N, C-alpha and C. Protein backbone atom coordinates (compact mmCIF):
# COMPACT_ATOMS: atom_id res chain seq x y z
N MET A 1 24.39 30.61 64.98
CA MET A 1 25.29 31.51 64.35
C MET A 1 26.70 31.45 64.99
N SER A 2 27.71 31.71 64.17
CA SER A 2 29.08 31.54 64.66
C SER A 2 29.76 32.83 64.80
N GLN A 3 30.57 33.05 65.98
CA GLN A 3 31.38 34.22 66.17
C GLN A 3 32.73 34.11 65.62
N ARG A 4 33.07 33.03 64.96
CA ARG A 4 34.37 32.88 64.33
C ARG A 4 34.10 32.21 62.92
N SER A 5 35.13 32.29 62.03
CA SER A 5 34.91 31.85 60.75
C SER A 5 34.55 30.32 60.69
N ILE A 6 33.50 29.99 60.01
CA ILE A 6 33.00 28.64 59.94
C ILE A 6 34.02 27.75 59.41
N GLY A 7 34.18 26.63 60.03
CA GLY A 7 35.06 25.53 59.49
C GLY A 7 36.46 25.70 60.01
N LEU A 8 36.87 26.74 60.73
CA LEU A 8 38.17 26.93 61.19
C LEU A 8 38.27 26.37 62.57
N PRO A 9 39.21 25.43 62.82
CA PRO A 9 39.41 24.97 64.22
C PRO A 9 39.90 26.09 65.11
N PRO A 10 39.65 26.06 66.43
CA PRO A 10 39.97 27.10 67.31
C PRO A 10 41.46 27.54 67.19
N ALA A 11 42.37 26.63 67.10
CA ALA A 11 43.78 27.04 67.05
C ALA A 11 44.09 27.83 65.84
N LEU A 12 43.52 27.44 64.72
CA LEU A 12 43.83 28.16 63.45
C LEU A 12 43.09 29.49 63.49
N HIS A 13 41.93 29.60 64.09
CA HIS A 13 41.21 30.85 64.13
C HIS A 13 42.04 31.82 65.11
N ASP A 14 42.53 31.26 66.23
CA ASP A 14 43.40 32.09 67.07
C ASP A 14 44.68 32.71 66.27
N TYR A 15 45.24 31.83 65.41
CA TYR A 15 46.45 32.22 64.68
C TYR A 15 46.01 33.31 63.71
N LEU A 16 44.88 33.16 63.11
CA LEU A 16 44.38 34.08 62.11
C LEU A 16 44.22 35.53 62.77
N CYS A 17 43.61 35.53 63.92
CA CYS A 17 43.34 36.73 64.61
C CYS A 17 44.71 37.35 65.11
N ALA A 18 45.67 36.53 65.63
CA ALA A 18 46.87 37.05 66.17
C ALA A 18 47.74 37.61 65.10
N ASN A 19 47.61 37.18 63.82
CA ASN A 19 48.50 37.56 62.77
C ASN A 19 47.81 38.53 61.72
N SER A 20 46.56 38.84 62.01
CA SER A 20 45.91 39.66 61.00
C SER A 20 44.94 40.78 61.69
N LEU A 21 44.30 40.37 62.76
CA LEU A 21 43.24 41.27 63.21
C LEU A 21 43.78 42.57 63.84
N ARG A 22 43.25 43.67 63.29
CA ARG A 22 43.48 45.00 63.85
C ARG A 22 42.10 45.68 64.26
N GLU A 23 42.03 45.98 65.48
CA GLU A 23 40.85 46.67 66.02
C GLU A 23 41.27 47.92 66.74
N SER A 24 40.42 48.89 66.59
CA SER A 24 40.62 50.12 67.43
C SER A 24 40.29 49.72 68.94
N GLU A 25 40.75 50.50 69.87
CA GLU A 25 40.40 50.23 71.21
C GLU A 25 38.96 50.25 71.49
N PRO A 26 38.13 51.24 70.97
CA PRO A 26 36.68 51.15 71.16
C PRO A 26 36.03 49.94 70.62
N ALA A 27 36.50 49.48 69.45
CA ALA A 27 35.89 48.27 68.85
C ALA A 27 36.24 47.08 69.71
N ALA A 28 37.37 46.91 70.13
CA ALA A 28 37.76 45.74 71.01
C ALA A 28 37.00 45.79 72.32
N ALA A 29 36.83 46.93 72.89
CA ALA A 29 36.09 47.12 74.17
C ALA A 29 34.65 46.83 73.91
N LEU A 30 34.00 47.20 72.84
CA LEU A 30 32.66 46.89 72.57
C LEU A 30 32.47 45.43 72.31
N ARG A 31 33.38 44.88 71.62
CA ARG A 31 33.24 43.41 71.39
C ARG A 31 33.35 42.63 72.66
N ALA A 32 34.27 43.05 73.61
CA ALA A 32 34.34 42.47 74.91
C ALA A 32 33.09 42.53 75.75
N GLU A 33 32.54 43.75 75.76
CA GLU A 33 31.33 43.90 76.48
C GLU A 33 30.15 43.14 75.94
N THR A 34 30.06 43.06 74.61
CA THR A 34 28.97 42.31 74.03
C THR A 34 29.10 40.79 74.25
N SER A 35 30.37 40.37 74.35
CA SER A 35 30.61 38.86 74.63
C SER A 35 30.07 38.35 75.93
N GLN A 36 29.74 39.29 76.79
CA GLN A 36 29.10 38.91 78.07
C GLN A 36 27.64 38.69 78.06
N ARG A 37 27.05 39.06 76.96
CA ARG A 37 25.58 38.90 76.82
C ARG A 37 25.14 37.51 76.40
N SER A 38 23.98 37.10 76.84
CA SER A 38 23.51 35.78 76.42
C SER A 38 23.25 35.59 75.03
N ASP A 39 22.99 36.71 74.25
CA ASP A 39 22.75 36.76 72.86
C ASP A 39 23.94 37.12 72.04
N ALA A 40 25.10 36.98 72.59
CA ALA A 40 26.33 37.62 71.93
C ALA A 40 26.66 36.97 70.54
N ASN A 41 26.01 35.81 70.25
CA ASN A 41 26.21 35.23 68.90
C ASN A 41 25.65 36.02 67.76
N MET A 42 24.92 37.06 68.12
CA MET A 42 24.40 37.94 67.08
C MET A 42 25.34 38.95 66.57
N GLN A 43 26.53 39.07 67.24
CA GLN A 43 27.55 40.00 66.82
C GLN A 43 28.44 39.35 65.74
N ILE A 44 28.81 40.10 64.73
CA ILE A 44 29.66 39.61 63.73
C ILE A 44 30.99 39.30 64.22
N ALA A 45 31.82 38.37 63.54
CA ALA A 45 33.16 38.11 63.96
C ALA A 45 34.03 39.29 63.65
N PRO A 46 35.16 39.48 64.37
CA PRO A 46 35.98 40.63 64.16
C PRO A 46 36.73 40.50 62.86
N GLU A 47 37.13 39.33 62.36
CA GLU A 47 37.71 39.27 61.08
C GLU A 47 36.73 39.59 59.91
N GLN A 48 35.49 39.42 60.13
CA GLN A 48 34.48 39.88 59.10
C GLN A 48 34.40 41.41 59.20
N GLY A 49 34.31 41.98 60.38
CA GLY A 49 34.35 43.45 60.46
C GLY A 49 35.51 44.09 59.77
N GLN A 50 36.71 43.44 59.88
CA GLN A 50 37.96 43.95 59.35
C GLN A 50 37.79 43.89 57.78
N LEU A 51 37.36 42.74 57.23
CA LEU A 51 37.20 42.56 55.82
C LEU A 51 36.24 43.70 55.28
N MET A 52 35.11 43.78 55.97
CA MET A 52 34.16 44.77 55.46
C MET A 52 34.77 46.16 55.42
N ALA A 53 35.47 46.57 56.49
CA ALA A 53 36.06 47.89 56.56
C ALA A 53 37.02 48.05 55.40
N LEU A 54 37.88 47.04 55.09
CA LEU A 54 38.85 47.05 54.07
C LEU A 54 38.13 47.23 52.67
N LEU A 55 37.08 46.51 52.47
CA LEU A 55 36.32 46.71 51.21
C LEU A 55 35.81 48.18 51.06
N LEU A 56 35.24 48.75 52.14
CA LEU A 56 34.72 50.03 52.03
C LEU A 56 35.87 51.02 51.76
N ARG A 57 37.09 50.79 52.31
CA ARG A 57 38.13 51.75 51.99
C ARG A 57 38.64 51.59 50.65
N LEU A 58 38.67 50.38 50.07
CA LEU A 58 39.09 50.13 48.72
C LEU A 58 38.12 50.77 47.69
N MET A 59 36.88 50.82 47.97
CA MET A 59 35.92 51.40 47.09
C MET A 59 35.71 52.92 47.30
N GLY A 60 36.37 53.45 48.28
CA GLY A 60 36.24 54.90 48.61
C GLY A 60 34.83 55.21 49.05
N ALA A 61 34.17 54.35 49.78
CA ALA A 61 32.73 54.50 50.15
C ALA A 61 32.61 55.77 51.08
N ARG A 62 31.51 56.41 50.93
CA ARG A 62 31.16 57.65 51.76
C ARG A 62 29.80 57.45 52.43
N ARG A 63 28.90 56.81 51.85
CA ARG A 63 27.54 56.73 52.30
C ARG A 63 27.08 55.27 52.29
N GLY A 64 26.48 54.82 53.39
CA GLY A 64 26.04 53.43 53.48
C GLY A 64 24.86 53.22 54.31
N ILE A 65 24.32 52.00 54.30
CA ILE A 65 23.17 51.56 55.07
C ILE A 65 23.49 50.34 55.83
N GLU A 66 23.02 50.33 57.07
CA GLU A 66 23.15 49.06 57.87
C GLU A 66 21.73 48.72 58.36
N ILE A 67 21.36 47.42 58.10
CA ILE A 67 20.05 46.90 58.52
C ILE A 67 20.26 45.86 59.59
N GLY A 68 20.04 46.19 60.79
CA GLY A 68 20.36 45.33 61.99
C GLY A 68 21.62 45.76 62.60
N VAL A 69 21.55 46.42 63.72
CA VAL A 69 22.63 47.08 64.36
C VAL A 69 23.07 46.29 65.58
N TYR A 70 22.20 45.69 66.29
CA TYR A 70 22.48 44.97 67.58
C TYR A 70 23.21 45.95 68.51
N THR A 71 24.40 45.66 69.07
CA THR A 71 25.16 46.53 69.90
C THR A 71 26.14 47.43 69.27
N GLY A 72 26.10 47.41 67.92
CA GLY A 72 26.79 48.42 67.21
C GLY A 72 28.26 48.12 66.74
N TYR A 73 28.72 46.88 66.82
CA TYR A 73 30.08 46.57 66.50
C TYR A 73 30.27 46.73 64.99
N SER A 74 29.37 46.13 64.17
CA SER A 74 29.52 46.27 62.79
C SER A 74 29.48 47.71 62.29
N ALA A 75 28.57 48.40 62.88
CA ALA A 75 28.42 49.92 62.52
C ALA A 75 29.69 50.60 62.78
N LEU A 76 30.30 50.30 63.97
CA LEU A 76 31.57 50.87 64.36
C LEU A 76 32.67 50.62 63.38
N CYS A 77 32.78 49.34 63.00
CA CYS A 77 33.78 48.88 61.99
C CYS A 77 33.70 49.68 60.75
N MET A 78 32.39 49.76 60.22
CA MET A 78 32.20 50.47 58.97
C MET A 78 32.36 51.97 59.10
N ALA A 79 31.87 52.53 60.19
CA ALA A 79 31.96 53.97 60.35
C ALA A 79 33.41 54.41 60.40
N GLU A 80 34.26 53.65 61.07
CA GLU A 80 35.66 53.90 61.16
C GLU A 80 36.38 53.89 59.79
N ALA A 81 35.76 53.22 58.81
CA ALA A 81 36.35 53.09 57.49
C ALA A 81 35.92 54.23 56.63
N LEU A 82 34.90 54.97 57.00
CA LEU A 82 34.33 56.15 56.22
C LEU A 82 35.14 57.42 56.49
N PRO A 83 35.09 58.40 55.56
CA PRO A 83 35.73 59.70 55.73
C PRO A 83 34.94 60.44 56.78
N ARG A 84 35.50 61.49 57.38
CA ARG A 84 34.88 62.21 58.43
C ARG A 84 33.52 62.82 58.10
N ASP A 85 33.30 63.01 56.80
CA ASP A 85 31.99 63.56 56.38
C ASP A 85 31.15 62.34 55.83
N GLY A 86 31.41 61.18 56.17
CA GLY A 86 30.69 60.01 55.73
C GLY A 86 29.36 59.92 56.51
N HIS A 87 28.53 58.96 56.14
CA HIS A 87 27.20 58.82 56.63
C HIS A 87 26.76 57.35 56.61
N LEU A 88 26.37 56.82 57.74
CA LEU A 88 25.88 55.53 57.80
C LEU A 88 24.46 55.50 58.45
N LEU A 89 23.48 55.23 57.52
CA LEU A 89 22.06 55.08 57.90
C LEU A 89 21.84 53.75 58.61
N ALA A 90 21.72 53.75 59.94
CA ALA A 90 21.66 52.47 60.67
C ALA A 90 20.20 52.22 61.16
N CYS A 91 19.71 51.09 60.83
CA CYS A 91 18.39 50.66 61.08
C CYS A 91 18.19 49.58 62.04
N ASP A 92 17.44 49.80 63.18
CA ASP A 92 17.18 48.80 64.11
C ASP A 92 15.95 49.14 64.91
N ILE A 93 15.41 48.08 65.65
CA ILE A 93 14.18 48.41 66.38
C ILE A 93 14.41 48.35 67.86
N ASN A 94 15.58 48.08 68.34
CA ASN A 94 15.84 47.98 69.75
C ASN A 94 16.63 49.06 70.38
N PRO A 95 16.04 49.91 71.13
CA PRO A 95 16.78 51.16 71.66
C PRO A 95 17.75 50.74 72.70
N ASP A 96 17.56 49.62 73.36
CA ASP A 96 18.44 49.19 74.49
C ASP A 96 19.82 48.69 74.01
N THR A 97 19.73 47.77 73.07
CA THR A 97 21.04 47.22 72.47
C THR A 97 21.82 48.32 71.70
N THR A 98 21.06 49.12 71.04
CA THR A 98 21.74 50.15 70.17
C THR A 98 22.31 51.19 71.08
N ALA A 99 21.78 51.35 72.28
CA ALA A 99 22.34 52.36 73.21
C ALA A 99 23.76 51.97 73.57
N ILE A 100 24.03 50.73 73.67
CA ILE A 100 25.43 50.26 73.94
C ILE A 100 26.38 50.81 72.83
N GLY A 101 25.90 50.63 71.63
CA GLY A 101 26.71 51.02 70.47
C GLY A 101 26.96 52.55 70.48
N ARG A 102 25.96 53.34 70.81
CA ARG A 102 26.09 54.79 70.89
C ARG A 102 27.30 55.19 71.72
N THR A 103 27.41 54.50 72.86
CA THR A 103 28.55 54.86 73.81
C THR A 103 29.91 54.69 73.10
N TYR A 104 30.06 53.56 72.36
CA TYR A 104 31.30 53.22 71.73
C TYR A 104 31.55 54.05 70.52
N TRP A 105 30.49 54.34 69.76
CA TRP A 105 30.56 55.25 68.57
C TRP A 105 31.17 56.58 68.94
N ALA A 106 30.65 57.11 70.12
CA ALA A 106 31.17 58.38 70.69
C ALA A 106 32.55 58.22 71.06
N ARG A 107 32.92 57.11 71.71
CA ARG A 107 34.27 56.92 72.17
C ARG A 107 35.27 56.83 71.02
N ALA A 108 34.82 56.32 69.83
CA ALA A 108 35.60 56.24 68.69
C ALA A 108 35.63 57.50 67.84
N GLY A 109 34.74 58.48 68.13
CA GLY A 109 34.73 59.75 67.46
C GLY A 109 33.95 59.59 66.10
N VAL A 110 33.01 58.61 66.02
CA VAL A 110 32.21 58.38 64.83
C VAL A 110 30.73 58.58 65.08
N ALA A 111 30.35 59.07 66.23
CA ALA A 111 28.88 59.20 66.56
C ALA A 111 28.21 60.10 65.48
N ASP A 112 28.95 61.05 64.95
CA ASP A 112 28.22 61.97 63.96
C ASP A 112 28.12 61.30 62.64
N ILE A 113 28.76 60.21 62.44
CA ILE A 113 28.64 59.51 61.15
C ILE A 113 27.48 58.49 61.12
N VAL A 114 27.18 57.94 62.35
CA VAL A 114 26.11 56.92 62.36
C VAL A 114 24.78 57.64 62.67
N ASP A 115 23.90 57.45 61.77
CA ASP A 115 22.59 58.12 61.83
C ASP A 115 21.57 56.97 62.10
N LEU A 116 21.32 56.70 63.43
CA LEU A 116 20.51 55.60 63.98
C LEU A 116 18.99 55.93 63.84
N HIS A 117 18.28 54.99 63.20
CA HIS A 117 16.79 55.11 63.15
C HIS A 117 16.25 53.89 63.88
N ILE A 118 15.46 54.14 64.94
CA ILE A 118 14.88 53.16 65.70
C ILE A 118 13.36 53.00 65.12
N ALA A 119 13.29 52.11 64.29
CA ALA A 119 11.98 51.86 63.59
C ALA A 119 12.09 50.62 62.74
N PRO A 120 11.01 49.91 62.25
CA PRO A 120 11.19 48.84 61.37
C PRO A 120 11.96 49.31 60.13
N ALA A 121 12.89 48.48 59.71
CA ALA A 121 13.86 48.85 58.67
C ALA A 121 13.12 49.24 57.38
N LEU A 122 12.08 48.41 57.06
CA LEU A 122 11.43 48.65 55.74
C LEU A 122 10.73 50.02 55.71
N GLU A 123 10.31 50.54 56.93
CA GLU A 123 9.70 51.86 57.00
C GLU A 123 10.80 52.90 56.71
N THR A 124 11.95 52.76 57.26
CA THR A 124 13.07 53.66 57.08
C THR A 124 13.53 53.67 55.62
N LEU A 125 13.64 52.47 55.01
CA LEU A 125 14.14 52.36 53.69
C LEU A 125 13.11 52.89 52.64
N ASP A 126 11.83 52.55 52.94
CA ASP A 126 10.75 53.10 52.05
C ASP A 126 10.68 54.63 52.10
N ALA A 127 10.97 55.18 53.27
CA ALA A 127 10.98 56.60 53.35
C ALA A 127 12.11 57.21 52.50
N GLU A 128 13.26 56.50 52.50
CA GLU A 128 14.39 56.85 51.59
C GLU A 128 14.01 56.82 50.11
N VAL A 129 13.35 55.81 49.75
CA VAL A 129 12.88 55.70 48.37
C VAL A 129 11.94 56.77 48.01
N ARG A 130 11.05 57.06 48.90
CA ARG A 130 9.99 58.13 48.62
C ARG A 130 10.65 59.45 48.50
N ALA A 131 11.72 59.70 49.20
CA ALA A 131 12.43 60.98 49.28
C ALA A 131 13.31 61.11 48.09
N GLY A 132 13.31 60.11 47.23
CA GLY A 132 14.05 60.16 45.88
C GLY A 132 15.55 59.93 46.07
N HIS A 133 15.84 59.12 47.12
CA HIS A 133 17.38 58.90 47.33
C HIS A 133 17.80 57.63 46.60
N LEU A 134 17.28 57.40 45.44
CA LEU A 134 17.65 56.27 44.66
C LEU A 134 19.17 56.29 44.21
N ALA A 135 19.83 55.23 44.34
CA ALA A 135 21.27 55.15 43.89
C ALA A 135 22.17 56.16 44.66
N ARG A 136 21.74 56.58 45.88
CA ARG A 136 22.37 57.58 46.62
C ARG A 136 23.54 56.97 47.50
N TYR A 137 23.45 55.68 47.74
CA TYR A 137 24.32 55.04 48.74
C TYR A 137 25.43 54.23 47.99
N ASP A 138 26.53 54.10 48.67
CA ASP A 138 27.70 53.32 48.09
C ASP A 138 27.54 51.82 48.48
N PHE A 139 27.03 51.55 49.66
CA PHE A 139 27.00 50.22 50.10
C PHE A 139 25.82 50.02 51.07
N ALA A 140 25.56 48.64 51.38
CA ALA A 140 24.54 48.34 52.36
C ALA A 140 25.04 47.03 53.01
N PHE A 141 24.70 46.88 54.25
CA PHE A 141 25.01 45.65 55.00
C PHE A 141 23.71 45.16 55.68
N ILE A 142 23.29 43.95 55.32
CA ILE A 142 21.94 43.38 55.78
C ILE A 142 22.27 42.31 56.81
N ASP A 143 21.86 42.49 58.01
CA ASP A 143 22.03 41.58 59.12
C ASP A 143 20.98 41.71 60.11
N ALA A 144 19.73 41.43 59.66
CA ALA A 144 18.55 41.61 60.47
C ALA A 144 17.69 40.31 60.44
N ASP A 145 16.43 40.33 60.72
CA ASP A 145 15.55 39.24 60.75
C ASP A 145 15.58 38.56 59.35
N LYS A 146 15.84 37.25 59.33
CA LYS A 146 16.08 36.58 58.08
C LYS A 146 14.90 36.49 57.15
N THR A 147 13.70 36.44 57.70
CA THR A 147 12.51 36.39 56.82
C THR A 147 12.36 37.65 56.04
N GLY A 148 12.95 38.68 56.41
CA GLY A 148 12.85 39.96 55.68
C GLY A 148 14.02 40.23 54.71
N THR A 149 14.95 39.29 54.58
CA THR A 149 16.22 39.58 53.81
C THR A 149 15.88 39.96 52.38
N ILE A 150 15.04 39.21 51.68
CA ILE A 150 14.76 39.50 50.29
C ILE A 150 14.17 40.95 50.12
N ASP A 151 13.31 41.34 51.01
CA ASP A 151 12.68 42.66 50.94
C ASP A 151 13.77 43.75 51.23
N TYR A 152 14.65 43.42 52.18
CA TYR A 152 15.69 44.39 52.47
C TYR A 152 16.58 44.56 51.29
N TYR A 153 16.94 43.38 50.70
CA TYR A 153 17.88 43.42 49.55
C TYR A 153 17.33 44.17 48.47
N GLU A 154 16.02 44.06 48.12
CA GLU A 154 15.40 44.72 46.99
C GLU A 154 15.37 46.28 47.22
N ARG A 155 15.09 46.62 48.46
CA ARG A 155 15.16 48.09 48.79
C ARG A 155 16.60 48.58 48.60
N CYS A 156 17.54 47.83 49.03
CA CYS A 156 18.97 48.24 48.85
C CYS A 156 19.36 48.29 47.40
N MET A 157 18.81 47.40 46.61
CA MET A 157 19.15 47.48 45.16
C MET A 157 18.69 48.82 44.59
N ALA A 158 17.60 49.34 45.13
CA ALA A 158 17.12 50.68 44.69
C ALA A 158 17.94 51.83 45.20
N LEU A 159 18.43 51.69 46.40
CA LEU A 159 19.13 52.76 47.08
C LEU A 159 20.66 52.77 46.83
N VAL A 160 21.24 51.62 46.56
CA VAL A 160 22.68 51.59 46.31
C VAL A 160 23.01 51.87 44.85
N ARG A 161 23.95 52.60 44.56
CA ARG A 161 24.30 53.01 43.19
C ARG A 161 24.96 51.83 42.40
N PRO A 162 24.85 51.89 41.17
CA PRO A 162 25.69 50.96 40.27
C PRO A 162 27.12 51.15 40.62
N GLY A 163 27.77 50.06 40.78
CA GLY A 163 29.25 50.09 41.28
C GLY A 163 29.30 50.03 42.76
N GLY A 164 28.21 49.95 43.47
CA GLY A 164 28.21 49.86 44.84
C GLY A 164 28.14 48.39 45.35
N LEU A 165 28.12 48.25 46.64
CA LEU A 165 28.29 46.88 47.17
C LEU A 165 27.18 46.59 48.20
N ILE A 166 26.53 45.44 48.07
CA ILE A 166 25.54 45.05 49.07
C ILE A 166 26.08 43.78 49.79
N MET A 167 26.19 43.75 51.09
CA MET A 167 26.74 42.65 51.89
C MET A 167 25.57 42.03 52.75
N LEU A 168 25.57 40.71 52.68
CA LEU A 168 24.53 40.02 53.48
C LEU A 168 25.21 39.06 54.37
N ASP A 169 24.75 39.14 55.68
CA ASP A 169 25.35 38.26 56.74
C ASP A 169 24.68 36.94 56.90
N ASN A 170 25.32 36.03 57.49
CA ASN A 170 24.73 34.73 57.95
C ASN A 170 24.27 33.83 56.73
N THR A 171 24.83 33.96 55.65
CA THR A 171 24.39 33.26 54.49
C THR A 171 24.73 31.81 54.48
N LEU A 172 25.56 31.37 55.33
CA LEU A 172 25.87 29.93 55.59
C LEU A 172 25.23 29.39 56.78
N TRP A 173 24.76 30.24 57.64
CA TRP A 173 23.85 29.94 58.84
C TRP A 173 24.44 28.73 59.69
N ASP A 174 25.75 28.72 60.00
CA ASP A 174 26.38 27.69 60.79
C ASP A 174 26.29 26.36 60.11
N GLY A 175 26.11 26.33 58.78
CA GLY A 175 26.03 25.12 58.03
C GLY A 175 24.66 24.53 57.81
N ARG A 176 23.66 25.18 58.55
CA ARG A 176 22.30 24.69 58.38
C ARG A 176 21.63 24.73 57.04
N VAL A 177 22.14 25.64 56.28
CA VAL A 177 21.59 25.80 54.88
C VAL A 177 21.80 24.62 54.08
N ALA A 178 22.79 23.88 54.33
CA ALA A 178 23.14 22.66 53.61
C ALA A 178 22.73 21.34 54.29
N ASP A 179 21.97 21.49 55.33
CA ASP A 179 21.46 20.34 56.09
C ASP A 179 19.99 20.18 55.82
N GLU A 180 19.64 19.17 54.99
CA GLU A 180 18.33 18.94 54.60
C GLU A 180 17.37 18.64 55.77
N THR A 181 17.87 18.30 56.91
CA THR A 181 16.94 18.04 57.98
C THR A 181 16.53 19.36 58.73
N CYS A 182 17.13 20.42 58.41
CA CYS A 182 16.77 21.80 58.95
C CYS A 182 15.70 22.48 58.12
N ASP A 183 14.55 22.67 58.63
CA ASP A 183 13.49 23.29 57.77
C ASP A 183 12.82 24.41 58.65
N ASP A 184 13.48 24.98 59.64
CA ASP A 184 12.84 26.05 60.37
C ASP A 184 12.79 27.33 59.50
N GLU A 185 11.98 28.26 59.98
CA GLU A 185 11.63 29.45 59.16
C GLU A 185 12.89 30.28 58.81
N ALA A 186 13.76 30.50 59.78
CA ALA A 186 14.93 31.27 59.41
C ALA A 186 15.79 30.63 58.43
N THR A 187 16.08 29.30 58.55
CA THR A 187 16.88 28.56 57.58
C THR A 187 16.31 28.58 56.21
N GLU A 188 14.96 28.39 56.14
CA GLU A 188 14.35 28.37 54.84
C GLU A 188 14.39 29.77 54.19
N ALA A 189 14.33 30.79 55.05
CA ALA A 189 14.37 32.18 54.46
C ALA A 189 15.74 32.52 53.96
N ILE A 190 16.81 31.97 54.61
CA ILE A 190 18.16 32.31 54.14
C ILE A 190 18.36 31.46 52.82
N ARG A 191 17.93 30.24 52.78
CA ARG A 191 18.00 29.53 51.52
C ARG A 191 17.39 30.25 50.39
N ALA A 192 16.13 30.82 50.66
CA ALA A 192 15.38 31.47 49.60
C ALA A 192 16.20 32.77 49.20
N ALA A 193 16.76 33.50 50.14
CA ALA A 193 17.53 34.68 49.76
C ALA A 193 18.76 34.22 49.00
N ASN A 194 19.40 33.22 49.38
CA ASN A 194 20.59 32.78 48.68
C ASN A 194 20.25 32.42 47.15
N ARG A 195 19.13 31.69 47.02
CA ARG A 195 18.70 31.41 45.58
C ARG A 195 18.31 32.66 44.83
N HIS A 196 17.70 33.64 45.58
CA HIS A 196 17.29 34.88 45.00
C HIS A 196 18.48 35.59 44.40
N LEU A 197 19.56 35.68 45.18
CA LEU A 197 20.80 36.45 44.78
C LEU A 197 21.50 35.64 43.73
N ALA A 198 21.50 34.31 43.78
CA ALA A 198 22.21 33.54 42.77
C ALA A 198 21.65 33.68 41.40
N ALA A 199 20.32 33.99 41.33
CA ALA A 199 19.60 34.12 40.07
C ALA A 199 19.53 35.55 39.59
N ASP A 200 20.12 36.48 40.37
CA ASP A 200 19.92 37.87 40.10
C ASP A 200 21.04 38.33 39.17
N ASP A 201 20.79 38.66 37.86
CA ASP A 201 21.76 39.09 36.99
C ASP A 201 22.13 40.54 37.02
N ARG A 202 21.56 41.21 38.00
CA ARG A 202 21.90 42.67 38.20
C ARG A 202 23.14 42.82 38.99
N VAL A 203 23.66 41.75 39.52
CA VAL A 203 24.88 41.74 40.45
C VAL A 203 25.80 40.77 40.05
N ASP A 204 27.11 41.04 40.41
CA ASP A 204 28.19 40.02 40.42
C ASP A 204 28.26 39.59 41.88
N LEU A 205 28.53 38.36 42.07
CA LEU A 205 28.28 37.69 43.39
C LEU A 205 29.42 36.83 43.78
N ALA A 206 29.63 36.92 45.22
CA ALA A 206 30.61 35.97 45.84
C ALA A 206 30.08 35.68 47.21
N MET A 207 29.92 34.37 47.53
CA MET A 207 29.58 33.97 48.94
C MET A 207 30.87 33.54 49.60
N VAL A 208 31.18 34.26 50.53
CA VAL A 208 32.60 34.07 51.16
C VAL A 208 32.38 33.36 52.52
N PRO A 209 33.15 32.20 52.72
CA PRO A 209 33.05 31.47 53.94
C PRO A 209 33.83 32.03 55.09
N ILE A 210 33.61 33.34 55.42
CA ILE A 210 34.17 33.96 56.51
C ILE A 210 33.05 34.13 57.59
N ALA A 211 33.49 33.93 58.89
CA ALA A 211 32.44 34.05 59.96
C ALA A 211 31.33 33.09 59.62
N ASP A 212 30.09 33.65 59.69
CA ASP A 212 28.88 32.68 59.40
C ASP A 212 28.43 32.74 57.97
N GLY A 213 29.35 33.22 57.05
CA GLY A 213 29.00 33.31 55.60
C GLY A 213 28.62 34.81 55.32
N LEU A 214 29.38 35.42 54.40
CA LEU A 214 29.13 36.80 54.00
C LEU A 214 29.01 36.74 52.53
N THR A 215 27.93 37.23 52.00
CA THR A 215 27.67 37.24 50.61
C THR A 215 27.88 38.72 50.11
N LEU A 216 28.71 38.84 49.09
CA LEU A 216 29.12 40.12 48.58
C LEU A 216 28.36 40.30 47.15
N ALA A 217 27.65 41.27 47.04
CA ALA A 217 26.94 41.53 45.63
C ALA A 217 27.31 42.90 45.20
N TYR A 218 28.02 42.85 44.03
CA TYR A 218 28.42 44.13 43.40
C TYR A 218 27.34 44.57 42.42
N ARG A 219 26.79 45.68 42.70
CA ARG A 219 25.63 46.22 41.88
C ARG A 219 26.15 46.67 40.56
N ARG A 220 25.74 46.03 39.39
CA ARG A 220 26.13 46.47 38.14
C ARG A 220 25.52 47.71 37.71
């Protein structure tokens, strides 16, 4: 996975960030702390977080879902784009990495917006469906185990309203999706998810070559 936009040489990526990137102090500090971890490639690129936040502001989003929180950078970017009475249902199974995020959410003043559930995401999403929260959410961001992507997407299709946005991370997978010699489980799962969305006439679709590939699906 890539922490900068795929295909951009380092000098051009540095120029992009220098002339476009805006981060709050807590977001920049969280990204810096996460960069010291051995699994730091799991964090989204800052230019992707900025784009996602801009999209949420443009659509006037108030309620959303995140599947896969890691250390909380993407949740922070999205929560900062929501109104003070907004709500982000954040799903993850790791209390240790998400505890890092909690610190910075509080520092940014958005801890009350992020509703973290430590449990398998499908359990949390199915509970929302059973509670009758269909079409209640404005957006969803899927960035978790790749073998579960289609299931997560289908739950989000039930929970996100028409006119809402579903975003999927890692859809270019550092270029491996186009490499016929790559047949590992995660790569095959992403290919299957990409085909699933490409054939889904319930959404308008754009696969954007930012960071490691971000697919935007507008729920008709």
